[in-house]
Amino acid sequence: MTGFLKRVCLAVVVAVFVLSTAAVCFAQDPFTKLGRGVANTLTGWVELPKNVYSTSVEQNALAGMTVGLAKGAGMSIVRTSAGIYEIATFPFPLPQDYKPILEPEYVF
């Protein structure tokens, strides 16, 4: 093999290696969990208008102002509580591998 061909093969092998490990690099860690907890604690109240709006769009305005309001109030409490829990437990891998306890992870 010529020098140029060896360099091309080496570049391809390195590129394949880097691209195959990209998913592992996005693993959850304690500071991701802490950031998610802070974000959910501070933005938990956004669940209220979000659920009123989405229920109004999916059904009608009356449902948005009743069902959406109730659902939003409940989810505001749940998201804020989950944020406080994640702040308090960020050093520990609970649940396993620092995975989020709510889906979606953030209100937006």
PDB file of N, CA and C in Angstrom:
ATOM      1  N   MET A   1       0.839  -1.173   0.000  1.00  0.00           N
ATOM      2  CA  MET A   1       0.000   0.000   0.000  1.00  0.00           C
ATOM      3  C   MET A   1       0.887   1.240   0.000  1.00  0.00           C
ATOM      4  N   THR A   2       0.395   2.226  -0.675  1.00  0.00           N
ATOM      5  CA  THR A   2       1.122   3.485  -0.705  1.00  0.00           C
ATOM      6  C   THR A   2       0.844   4.278   0.567  1.00  0.00           C
ATOM      7  N   GLY A   3       1.620   5.301   0.819  1.00  0.00           N
ATOM      8  CA  GLY A   3       1.445   6.135   2.009  1.00  0.00           C
ATOM      9  C   GLY A   3       0.091   6.820   2.037  1.00  0.00           C
ATOM     10  N   PHE A   4      -0.370   7.279   0.873  1.00  0.00           N
ATOM     11  CA  PHE A   4      -1.671   7.959   0.796  1.00  0.00           C
ATOM     12  C   PHE A   4      -2.802   7.006   1.137  1.00  0.00           C
ATOM     13  N   LEU A   5      -2.752   5.779   0.590  1.00  0.00           N
ATOM     14  CA  LEU A   5      -3.799   4.790   0.827  1.00  0.00           C
ATOM     15  C   LEU A   5      -3.832   4.378   2.301  1.00  0.00           C
ATOM     16  N   LYS A   6      -2.658   4.273   2.934  1.00  0.00           N
ATOM     17  CA  LYS A   6      -2.612   3.941   4.358  1.00  0.00           C
ATOM     18  C   LYS A   6      -3.273   5.041   5.196  1.00  0.00           C
ATOM     19  N   ARG A   7      -3.029   6.288   4.820  1.00  0.00           N
ATOM     20  CA  ARG A   7      -3.635   7.409   5.550  1.00  0.00           C
ATOM     21  C   ARG A   7      -5.151   7.421   5.392  1.00  0.00           C
ATOM     22  N   VAL A   8      -5.636   7.114   4.203  1.00  0.00           N
ATOM     23  CA  VAL A   8      -7.081   7.077   3.960  1.00  0.00           C
ATOM     24  C   VAL A   8      -7.721   5.964   4.776  1.00  0.00           C
ATOM     25  N   CYS A   9      -7.093   4.789   4.782  1.00  0.00           N
ATOM     26  CA  CYS A   9      -7.633   3.666   5.571  1.00  0.00           C
ATOM     27  C   CYS A   9      -7.642   4.003   7.058  1.00  0.00           C
ATOM     28  N   LEU A  10      -6.570   4.620   7.525  1.00  0.00           N
ATOM     29  CA  LEU A  10      -6.512   5.018   8.924  1.00  0.00           C
ATOM     30  C   LEU A  10      -7.596   6.043   9.257  1.00  0.00           C
ATOM     31  N   ALA A  11      -7.819   7.000   8.366  1.00  0.00           N
ATOM     32  CA  ALA A  11      -8.860   8.011   8.587  1.00  0.00           C
ATOM     33  C   ALA A  11     -10.240   7.375   8.629  1.00  0.00           C
ATOM     34  N   VAL A  12     -10.492   6.390   7.782  1.00  0.00           N
ATOM     35  CA  VAL A  12     -11.782   5.704   7.768  1.00  0.00           C
ATOM     36  C   VAL A  12     -11.968   4.917   9.064  1.00  0.00           C
ATOM     37  N   VAL A  13     -10.949   4.216   9.510  1.00  0.00           N
ATOM     38  CA  VAL A  13     -11.042   3.442  10.755  1.00  0.00           C
ATOM     39  C   VAL A  13     -11.299   4.381  11.937  1.00  0.00           C
ATOM     40  N   VAL A  14     -10.592   5.495  12.006  1.00  0.00           N
ATOM     41  CA  VAL A  14     -10.789   6.451  13.098  1.00  0.00           C
ATOM     42  C   VAL A  14     -12.197   7.045  13.040  1.00  0.00           C
ATOM     43  N   ALA A  15     -12.684   7.392  11.857  1.00  0.00           N
ATOM     44  CA  ALA A  15     -14.030   7.950  11.714  1.00  0.00           C
ATOM     45  C   ALA A  15     -15.091   6.964  12.159  1.00  0.00           C
ATOM     46  N   VAL A  16     -14.950   5.704  11.788  1.00  0.00           N
ATOM     47  CA  VAL A  16     -15.917   4.677  12.201  1.00  0.00           C
ATOM     48  C   VAL A  16     -15.886   4.517  13.715  1.00  0.00           C
ATOM     49  N   PHE A  17     -14.705   4.522  14.304  1.00  0.00           N
ATOM     50  CA  PHE A  17     -14.584   4.399  15.756  1.00  0.00           C
ATOM     51  C   PHE A  17     -15.253   5.570  16.473  1.00  0.00           C
ATOM     52  N   VAL A  18     -14.989   6.775  16.010  1.00  0.00           N
ATOM     53  CA  VAL A  18     -15.568   7.968  16.642  1.00  0.00           C
ATOM     54  C   VAL A  18     -17.083   7.970  16.511  1.00  0.00           C
ATOM     55  N   LEU A  19     -17.591   7.639  15.336  1.00  0.00           N
ATOM     56  CA  LEU A  19     -19.039   7.642  15.132  1.00  0.00           C
ATOM     57  C   LEU A  19     -19.731   6.530  15.906  1.00  0.00           C
ATOM     58  N   SER A  20     -19.055   5.418  16.153  1.00  0.00           N
ATOM     59  CA  SER A  20     -19.683   4.321  16.893  1.00  0.00           C
ATOM     60  C   SER A  20     -19.753   4.607  18.392  1.00  0.00           C
ATOM     61  N   THR A  21     -18.917   5.493  18.895  1.00  0.00           N
ATOM     62  CA  THR A  21     -18.945   5.818  20.321  1.00  0.00           C
ATOM     63  C   THR A  21     -19.739   7.082  20.625  1.00  0.00           C
ATOM     64  N   ALA A  22     -20.330   7.699  19.635  1.00  0.00           N
ATOM     65  CA  ALA A  22     -21.050   8.956  19.858  1.00  0.00           C
ATOM     66  C   ALA A  22     -22.249   8.767  20.774  1.00  0.00           C
ATOM     67  N   ALA A  23     -22.945   7.658  20.698  1.00  0.00           N
ATOM     68  CA  ALA A  23     -24.117   7.429  21.541  1.00  0.00           C
ATOM     69  C   ALA A  23     -23.715   7.291  23.007  1.00  0.00           C
ATOM     70  N   VAL A  24     -22.577   6.700  23.284  1.00  0.00           N
ATOM     71  CA  VAL A  24     -22.119   6.527  24.650  1.00  0.00           C
ATOM     72  C   VAL A  24     -21.768   7.875  25.274  1.00  0.00           C
ATOM     73  N   CYS A  25     -21.290   8.802  24.477  1.00  0.00           N
ATOM     74  CA  CYS A  25     -20.898  10.111  24.989  1.00  0.00           C
ATOM     75  C   CYS A  25     -22.091  10.919  25.485  1.00  0.00           C
ATOM     76  N   PHE A  26     -23.308  10.577  25.094  1.00  0.00           N
ATOM     77  CA  PHE A  26     -24.489  11.330  25.486  1.00  0.00           C
ATOM     78  C   PHE A  26     -25.168  10.714  26.706  1.00  0.00           C
ATOM     79  N   ALA A  27     -24.455   9.871  27.426  1.00  0.00           N
ATOM     80  CA  ALA A  27     -25.038   9.222  28.593  1.00  0.00           C
ATOM     81  C   ALA A  27     -25.378  10.263  29.665  1.00  0.00           C
ATOM     82  N   GLN A  28     -26.345   9.924  30.512  1.00  0.00           N
ATOM     83  CA  GLN A  28     -26.747  10.814  31.598  1.00  0.00           C
ATOM     84  C   GLN A  28     -25.666  10.822  32.667  1.00  0.00           C
ATOM     85  N   ASP A  29     -25.514  11.941  33.349  1.00  0.00           N
ATOM     86  CA  ASP A  29     -24.568  12.056  34.439  1.00  0.00           C
ATOM     87  C   ASP A  29     -25.199  12.885  35.556  1.00  0.00           C
ATOM     88  N   PRO A  30     -24.551  12.991  36.717  1.00  0.00           N
ATOM     89  CA  PRO A  30     -25.159  13.713  37.837  1.00  0.00           C
ATOM     90  C   PRO A  30     -25.465  15.175  37.524  1.00  0.00           C
ATOM     91  N   PHE A  31     -24.605  15.828  36.755  1.00  0.00           N
ATOM     92  CA  PHE A  31     -24.817  17.249  36.505  1.00  0.00           C
ATOM     93  C   PHE A  31     -25.924  17.487  35.483  1.00  0.00           C
ATOM     94  N   THR A  32     -26.141  16.531  34.594  1.00  0.00           N
ATOM     95  CA  THR A  32     -27.300  16.600  33.701  1.00  0.00           C
ATOM     96  C   THR A  32     -28.577  16.481  34.532  1.00  0.00           C
ATOM     97  N   LYS A  33     -28.549  15.561  35.494  1.00  0.00           N
ATOM     98  CA  LYS A  33     -29.703  15.369  36.376  1.00  0.00           C
ATOM     99  C   LYS A  33     -29.952  16.619  37.223  1.00  0.00           C
ATOM    100  N   LEU A  34     -28.891  17.240  37.714  1.00  0.00           N
ATOM    101  CA  LEU A  34     -29.033  18.463  38.498  1.00  0.00           C
ATOM    102  C   LEU A  34     -29.621  19.587  37.645  1.00  0.00           C
ATOM    103  N   GLY A  35     -29.124  19.752  36.435  1.00  0.00           N
ATOM    104  CA  GLY A  35     -29.650  20.783  35.537  1.00  0.00           C
ATOM    105  C   GLY A  35     -31.103  20.562  35.192  1.00  0.00           C
ATOM    106  N   ARG A  36     -31.459  19.302  34.947  1.00  0.00           N
ATOM    107  CA  ARG A  36     -32.845  18.961  34.647  1.00  0.00           C
ATOM    108  C   ARG A  36     -33.733  19.253  35.853  1.00  0.00           C
ATOM    109  N   GLY A  37     -33.232  18.961  37.049  1.00  0.00           N
ATOM    110  CA  GLY A  37     -33.995  19.229  38.266  1.00  0.00           C
ATOM    111  C   GLY A  37     -34.226  20.708  38.478  1.00  0.00           C
ATOM    112  N   VAL A  38     -33.190  21.510  38.284  1.00  0.00           N
ATOM    113  CA  VAL A  38     -33.331  22.960  38.430  1.00  0.00           C
ATOM    114  C   VAL A  38     -34.317  23.494  37.386  1.00  0.00           C
ATOM    115  N   ALA A  39     -34.164  23.050  36.134  1.00  0.00           N
ATOM    116  CA  ALA A  39     -35.062  23.517  35.072  1.00  0.00           C
ATOM    117  C   ALA A  39     -36.513  23.152  35.370  1.00  0.00           C
ATOM    118  N   ASN A  40     -36.757  21.929  35.811  1.00  0.00           N
ATOM    119  CA  ASN A  40     -38.129  21.512  36.090  1.00  0.00           C
ATOM    120  C   ASN A  40     -38.696  22.192  37.335  1.00  0.00           C
ATOM    121  N   THR A  41     -37.859  22.486  38.315  1.00  0.00           N
ATOM    122  CA  THR A  41     -38.339  23.202  39.490  1.00  0.00           C
ATOM    123  C   THR A  41     -38.741  24.629  39.133  1.00  0.00           C
ATOM    124  N   LEU A  42     -37.933  25.283  38.309  1.00  0.00           N
ATOM    125  CA  LEU A  42     -38.212  26.678  37.955  1.00  0.00           C
ATOM    126  C   LEU A  42     -39.308  26.832  36.902  1.00  0.00           C
ATOM    127  N   THR A  43     -39.499  25.833  36.051  1.00  0.00           N
ATOM    128  CA  THR A  43     -40.482  25.960  34.960  1.00  0.00           C
ATOM    129  C   THR A  43     -41.687  25.045  35.132  1.00  0.00           C
ATOM    130  N   GLY A  44     -41.849  24.449  36.284  1.00  0.00           N
ATOM    131  CA  GLY A  44     -42.992  23.562  36.502  1.00  0.00           C
ATOM    132  C   GLY A  44     -44.325  24.263  36.322  1.00  0.00           C
ATOM    133  N   TRP A  45     -44.388  25.544  36.657  1.00  0.00           N
ATOM    134  CA  TRP A  45     -45.635  26.312  36.526  1.00  0.00           C
ATOM    135  C   TRP A  45     -46.079  26.445  35.067  1.00  0.00           C
ATOM    136  N   VAL A  46     -45.178  26.279  34.121  1.00  0.00           N
ATOM    137  CA  VAL A  46     -45.521  26.418  32.705  1.00  0.00           C
ATOM    138  C   VAL A  46     -46.472  25.312  32.252  1.00  0.00           C
ATOM    139  N   GLU A  47     -46.534  24.220  33.012  1.00  0.00           N
ATOM    140  CA  GLU A  47     -47.474  23.140  32.678  1.00  0.00           C
ATOM    141  C   GLU A  47     -48.918  23.639  32.679  1.00  0.00           C
ATOM    142  N   LEU A  48     -49.236  24.617  33.517  1.00  0.00           N
ATOM    143  CA  LEU A  48     -50.606  25.126  33.613  1.00  0.00           C
ATOM    144  C   LEU A  48     -51.080  25.742  32.295  1.00  0.00           C
ATOM    145  N   PRO A  49     -50.440  26.793  31.783  1.00  0.00           N
ATOM    146  CA  PRO A  49     -50.916  27.346  30.511  1.00  0.00           C
ATOM    147  C   PRO A  49     -50.709  26.394  29.336  1.00  0.00           C
ATOM    148  N   LYS A  50     -49.675  25.568  29.402  1.00  0.00           N
ATOM    149  CA  LYS A  50     -49.425  24.609  28.316  1.00  0.00           C
ATOM    150  C   LYS A  50     -50.593  23.632  28.178  1.00  0.00           C
ATOM    151  N   ASN A  51     -51.073  23.094  29.294  1.00  0.00           N
ATOM    152  CA  ASN A  51     -52.173  22.134  29.247  1.00  0.00           C
ATOM    153  C   ASN A  51     -53.500  22.793  28.918  1.00  0.00           C
ATOM    154  N   VAL A  52     -53.710  24.021  29.378  1.00  0.00           N
ATOM    155  CA  VAL A  52     -54.928  24.738  28.997  1.00  0.00           C
ATOM    156  C   VAL A  52     -54.952  24.931  27.485  1.00  0.00           C
ATOM    157  N   TYR A  53     -53.829  25.364  26.926  1.00  0.00           N
ATOM    158  CA  TYR A  53     -53.755  25.596  25.483  1.00  0.00           C
ATOM    159  C   TYR A  53     -53.909  24.297  24.694  1.00  0.00           C
ATOM    160  N   SER A  54     -53.147  23.265  25.061  1.00  0.00           N
ATOM    161  CA  SER A  54     -53.199  22.026  24.272  1.00  0.00           C
ATOM    162  C   SER A  54     -54.575  21.365  24.352  1.00  0.00           C
ATOM    163  N   THR A  55     -55.231  21.409  25.494  1.00  0.00           N
ATOM    164  CA  THR A  55     -56.579  20.844  25.605  1.00  0.00           C
ATOM    165  C   THR A  55     -57.571  21.673  24.802  1.00  0.00           C
ATOM    166  N   SER A  56     -57.408  22.995  24.791  1.00  0.00           N
ATOM    167  CA  SER A  56     -58.279  23.849  23.983  1.00  0.00           C
ATOM    168  C   SER A  56     -58.140  23.544  22.501  1.00  0.00           C
ATOM    169  N   VAL A  57     -56.929  23.304  22.054  1.00  0.00           N
ATOM    170  CA  VAL A  57     -56.689  23.008  20.641  1.00  0.00           C
ATOM    171  C   VAL A  57     -57.233  21.625  20.285  1.00  0.00           C
ATOM    172  N   GLU A  58     -56.995  20.643  21.142  1.00  0.00           N
ATOM    173  CA  GLU A  58     -57.424  19.275  20.865  1.00  0.00           C
ATOM    174  C   GLU A  58     -58.935  19.110  20.972  1.00  0.00           C
ATOM    175  N   GLN A  59     -59.565  19.785  21.924  1.00  0.00           N
ATOM    176  CA  GLN A  59     -61.003  19.608  22.142  1.00  0.00           C
ATOM    177  C   GLN A  59     -61.736  20.916  21.858  1.00  0.00           C
ATOM    178  N   ASN A  60     -61.897  21.753  22.856  1.00  0.00           N
ATOM    179  CA  ASN A  60     -62.536  23.067  22.682  1.00  0.00           C
ATOM    180  C   ASN A  60     -62.145  23.969  23.847  1.00  0.00           C
ATOM    181  N   ALA A  61     -62.543  25.229  23.775  1.00  0.00           N
ATOM    182  CA  ALA A  61     -62.128  26.210  24.786  1.00  0.00           C
ATOM    183  C   ALA A  61     -62.687  25.876  26.170  1.00  0.00           C
ATOM    184  N   LEU A  62     -63.930  25.385  26.235  1.00  0.00           N
ATOM    185  CA  LEU A  62     -64.512  25.027  27.523  1.00  0.00           C
ATOM    186  C   LEU A  62     -63.730  23.900  28.187  1.00  0.00           C
ATOM    187  N   ALA A  63     -63.373  22.899  27.409  1.00  0.00           N
ATOM    188  CA  ALA A  63     -62.568  21.801  27.954  1.00  0.00           C
ATOM    189  C   ALA A  63     -61.198  22.310  28.379  1.00  0.00           C
ATOM    190  N   GLY A  64     -60.642  23.235  27.624  1.00  0.00           N
ATOM    191  CA  GLY A  64     -59.345  23.802  27.984  1.00  0.00           C
ATOM    192  C   GLY A  64     -59.387  24.521  29.308  1.00  0.00           C
ATOM    193  N   MET A  65     -60.478  25.261  29.547  1.00  0.00           N
ATOM    194  CA  MET A  65     -60.583  26.033  30.784  1.00  0.00           C
ATOM    195  C   MET A  65     -60.992  25.177  31.984  1.00  0.00           C
ATOM    196  N   THR A  66     -61.453  23.974  31.758  1.00  0.00           N
ATOM    197  CA  THR A  66     -61.831  23.101  32.879  1.00  0.00           C
ATOM    198  C   THR A  66     -60.857  21.929  33.006  1.00  0.00           C
ATOM    199  N   VAL A  67     -60.913  21.021  32.047  1.00  0.00           N
ATOM    200  CA  VAL A  67     -60.062  19.830  32.084  1.00  0.00           C
ATOM    201  C   VAL A  67     -58.592  20.222  31.961  1.00  0.00           C
ATOM    202  N   GLY A  68     -58.288  21.119  31.026  1.00  0.00           N
ATOM    203  CA  GLY A  68     -56.908  21.560  30.839  1.00  0.00           C
ATOM    204  C   GLY A  68     -56.352  22.257  32.063  1.00  0.00           C
ATOM    205  N   LEU A  69     -57.190  23.061  32.700  1.00  0.00           N
ATOM    206  CA  LEU A  69     -56.768  23.749  33.918  1.00  0.00           C
ATOM    207  C   LEU A  69     -56.461  22.755  35.032  1.00  0.00           C
ATOM    208  N   ALA A  70     -57.327  21.764  35.214  1.00  0.00           N
ATOM    209  CA  ALA A  70     -57.104  20.755  36.250  1.00  0.00           C
ATOM    210  C   ALA A  70     -55.860  19.920  35.944  1.00  0.00           C
ATOM    211  N   LYS A  71     -55.736  19.502  34.692  1.00  0.00           N
ATOM    212  CA  LYS A  71     -54.573  18.710  34.294  1.00  0.00           C
ATOM    213  C   LYS A  71     -53.292  19.528  34.446  1.00  0.00           C
ATOM    214  N   GLY A  72     -53.327  20.786  34.053  1.00  0.00           N
ATOM    215  CA  GLY A  72     -52.161  21.653  34.172  1.00  0.00           C
ATOM    216  C   GLY A  72     -51.758  21.885  35.609  1.00  0.00           C
ATOM    217  N   ALA A  73     -52.738  22.084  36.485  1.00  0.00           N
ATOM    218  CA  ALA A  73     -52.430  22.286  37.905  1.00  0.00           C
ATOM    219  C   ALA A  73     -51.773  21.035  38.487  1.00  0.00           C
ATOM    220  N   GLY A  74     -52.308  19.885  38.141  1.00  0.00           N
ATOM    221  CA  GLY A  74     -51.719  18.629  38.622  1.00  0.00           C
ATOM    222  C   GLY A  74     -50.313  18.408  38.094  1.00  0.00           C
ATOM    223  N   MET A  75     -50.126  18.648  36.804  1.00  0.00           N
ATOM    224  CA  MET A  75     -48.810  18.445  36.205  1.00  0.00           C
ATOM    225  C   MET A  75     -47.794  19.474  36.700  1.00  0.00           C
ATOM    226  N   SER A  76     -48.261  20.668  37.045  1.00  0.00           N
ATOM    227  CA  SER A  76     -47.348  21.666  37.624  1.00  0.00           C
ATOM    228  C   SER A  76     -46.773  21.153  38.932  1.00  0.00           C
ATOM    229  N   ILE A  77     -47.628  20.579  39.756  1.00  0.00           N
ATOM    230  CA  ILE A  77     -47.181  20.023  41.031  1.00  0.00           C
ATOM    231  C   ILE A  77     -46.243  18.841  40.798  1.00  0.00           C
ATOM    232  N   VAL A  78     -46.612  17.973  39.854  1.00  0.00           N
ATOM    233  CA  VAL A  78     -45.786  16.792  39.570  1.00  0.00           C
ATOM    234  C   VAL A  78     -44.414  17.199  39.044  1.00  0.00           C
ATOM    235  N   ARG A  79     -44.366  18.116  38.066  1.00  0.00           N
ATOM    236  CA  ARG A  79     -43.088  18.510  37.459  1.00  0.00           C
ATOM    237  C   ARG A  79     -42.205  19.245  38.469  1.00  0.00           C
ATOM    238  N   THR A  80     -42.781  20.132  39.261  1.00  0.00           N
ATOM    239  CA  THR A  80     -41.996  20.848  40.270  1.00  0.00           C
ATOM    240  C   THR A  80     -41.468  19.881  41.323  1.00  0.00           C
ATOM    241  N   SER A  81     -42.303  18.943  41.753  1.00  0.00           N
ATOM    242  CA  SER A  81     -41.869  17.940  42.732  1.00  0.00           C
ATOM    243  C   SER A  81     -40.773  17.046  42.162  1.00  0.00           C
ATOM    244  N   ALA A  82     -40.908  16.664  40.914  1.00  0.00           N
ATOM    245  CA  ALA A  82     -39.868  15.846  40.277  1.00  0.00           C
ATOM    246  C   ALA A  82     -38.552  16.617  40.195  1.00  0.00           C
ATOM    247  N   GLY A  83     -38.637  17.910  39.924  1.00  0.00           N
ATOM    248  CA  GLY A  83     -37.437  18.735  39.888  1.00  0.00           C
ATOM    249  C   GLY A  83     -36.752  18.804  41.242  1.00  0.00           C
ATOM    250  N   ILE A  84     -37.540  18.986  42.290  1.00  0.00           N
ATOM    251  CA  ILE A  84     -36.988  19.038  43.649  1.00  0.00           C
ATOM    252  C   ILE A  84     -36.350  17.700  44.004  1.00  0.00           C
ATOM    253  N   TYR A  85     -36.999  16.607  43.631  1.00  0.00           N
ATOM    254  CA  TYR A  85     -36.463  15.260  43.873  1.00  0.00           C
ATOM    255  C   TYR A  85     -35.126  15.078  43.146  1.00  0.00           C
ATOM    256  N   GLU A  86     -35.060  15.527  41.880  1.00  0.00           N
ATOM    257  CA  GLU A  86     -33.821  15.351  41.119  1.00  0.00           C
ATOM    258  C   GLU A  86     -32.699  16.229  41.663  1.00  0.00           C
ATOM    259  N   ILE A  87     -33.020  17.411  42.173  1.00  0.00           N
ATOM    260  CA  ILE A  87     -31.990  18.245  42.805  1.00  0.00           C
ATOM    261  C   ILE A  87     -31.470  17.556  44.062  1.00  0.00           C
ATOM    262  N   ALA A  88     -32.367  17.020  44.864  1.00  0.00           N
ATOM    263  CA  ALA A  88     -31.971  16.392  46.131  1.00  0.00           C
ATOM    264  C   ALA A  88     -31.172  15.105  45.924  1.00  0.00           C
ATOM    265  N   THR A  89     -31.432  14.396  44.832  1.00  0.00           N
ATOM    266  CA  THR A  89     -30.785  13.086  44.625  1.00  0.00           C
ATOM    267  C   THR A  89     -29.793  13.086  43.473  1.00  0.00           C
ATOM    268  N   PHE A  90     -29.354  14.273  43.007  1.00  0.00           N
ATOM    269  CA  PHE A  90     -28.494  14.290  41.829  1.00  0.00           C
ATOM    270  C   PHE A  90     -27.180  13.533  41.982  1.00  0.00           C
ATOM    271  N   PRO A  91     -26.579  13.399  43.176  1.00  0.00           N
ATOM    272  CA  PRO A  91     -25.320  12.635  43.248  1.00  0.00           C
ATOM    273  C   PRO A  91     -25.512  11.123  43.108  1.00  0.00           C
ATOM    274  N   PHE A  92     -26.741  10.664  43.234  1.00  0.00           N
ATOM    275  CA  PHE A  92     -27.006   9.221  43.236  1.00  0.00           C
ATOM    276  C   PHE A  92     -27.652   8.792  41.913  1.00  0.00           C
ATOM    277  N   PRO A  93     -27.268   7.656  41.366  1.00  0.00           N
ATOM    278  CA  PRO A  93     -27.839   7.201  40.080  1.00  0.00           C
ATOM    279  C   PRO A  93     -29.231   6.585  40.246  1.00  0.00           C
ATOM    280  N   LEU A  94     -30.167   7.376  40.754  1.00  0.00           N
ATOM    281  CA  LEU A  94     -31.553   6.930  40.951  1.00  0.00           C
ATOM    282  C   LEU A  94     -32.480   7.767  40.089  1.00  0.00           C
ATOM    283  N   PRO A  95     -33.313   7.244  39.251  1.00  0.00           N
ATOM    284  CA  PRO A  95     -33.336   5.856  38.799  1.00  0.00           C
ATOM    285  C   PRO A  95     -32.040   5.487  38.092  1.00  0.00           C
ATOM    286  N   GLN A  96     -31.931   4.250  37.714  1.00  0.00           N
ATOM    287  CA  GLN A  96     -30.684   3.716  37.161  1.00  0.00           C
ATOM    288  C   GLN A  96     -30.110   4.610  36.064  1.00  0.00           C
ATOM    289  N   ASP A  97     -28.825   4.880  36.157  1.00  0.00           N
ATOM    290  CA  ASP A  97     -28.075   5.670  35.173  1.00  0.00           C
ATOM    291  C   ASP A  97     -28.585   7.099  35.031  1.00  0.00           C
ATOM    292  N   TYR A  98     -29.138   7.670  36.086  1.00  0.00           N
ATOM    293  CA  TYR A  98     -29.581   9.068  36.107  1.00  0.00           C
ATOM    294  C   TYR A  98     -30.674   9.361  35.074  1.00  0.00           C
ATOM    295  N   LYS A  99     -31.450   8.376  34.723  1.00  0.00           N
ATOM    296  CA  LYS A  99     -32.512   8.588  33.733  1.00  0.00           C
ATOM    297  C   LYS A  99     -33.587   9.503  34.307  1.00  0.00           C
ATOM    298  N   PRO A 100     -34.270  10.250  33.446  1.00  0.00           N
ATOM    299  CA  PRO A 100     -35.321  11.151  33.937  1.00  0.00           C
ATOM    300  C   PRO A 100     -36.515  10.367  34.469  1.00  0.00           C
ATOM    301  N   ILE A 101     -37.197  10.938  35.450  1.00  0.00           N
ATOM    302  CA  ILE A 101     -38.374  10.263  36.002  1.00  0.00           C
ATOM    303  C   ILE A 101     -39.641  10.730  35.313  1.00  0.00           C
ATOM    304  N   LEU A 102     -39.564  11.801  34.532  1.00  0.00           N
ATOM    305  CA  LEU A 102     -40.709  12.287  33.764  1.00  0.00           C
ATOM    306  C   LEU A 102     -40.385  12.275  32.282  1.00  0.00           C
ATOM    307  N   GLU A 103     -41.368  11.995  31.477  1.00  0.00           N
ATOM    308  CA  GLU A 103     -41.246  12.107  30.022  1.00  0.00           C
ATOM    309  C   GLU A 103     -42.329  13.041  29.546  1.00  0.00           C
ATOM    310  N   PRO A 104     -42.034  14.053  28.789  1.00  0.00           N
ATOM    311  CA  PRO A 104     -40.711  14.468  28.366  1.00  0.00           C
ATOM    312  C   PRO A 104     -39.905  15.027  29.534  1.00  0.00           C
ATOM    313  N   GLU A 105     -38.585  15.078  29.354  1.00  0.00           N
ATOM    314  CA  GLU A 105     -37.698  15.508  30.433  1.00  0.00           C
ATOM    315  C   GLU A 105     -37.990  16.928  30.885  1.00  0.00           C
ATOM    316  N   TYR A 106     -38.307  17.782  29.925  1.00  0.00           N
ATOM    317  CA  TYR A 106     -38.546  19.198  30.204  1.00  0.00           C
ATOM    318  C   TYR A 106     -39.955  19.578  29.773  1.00  0.00           C
ATOM    319  N   VAL A 107     -40.469  20.675  30.273  1.00  0.00           N
ATOM    320  CA  VAL A 107     -41.825  21.108  29.982  1.00  0.00           C
ATOM    321  C   VAL A 107     -42.004  21.479  28.505  1.00  0.00           C
ATOM    322  N   PHE A 108     -40.937  21.949  27.862  1.00  0.00           N
ATOM    323  CA  PHE A 108     -41.042  22.398  26.474  1.00  0.00           C
ATOM    324  C   PHE A 108     -40.759  21.287  25.506  1.00  0.00           C
TER     325      PHE A 108
END
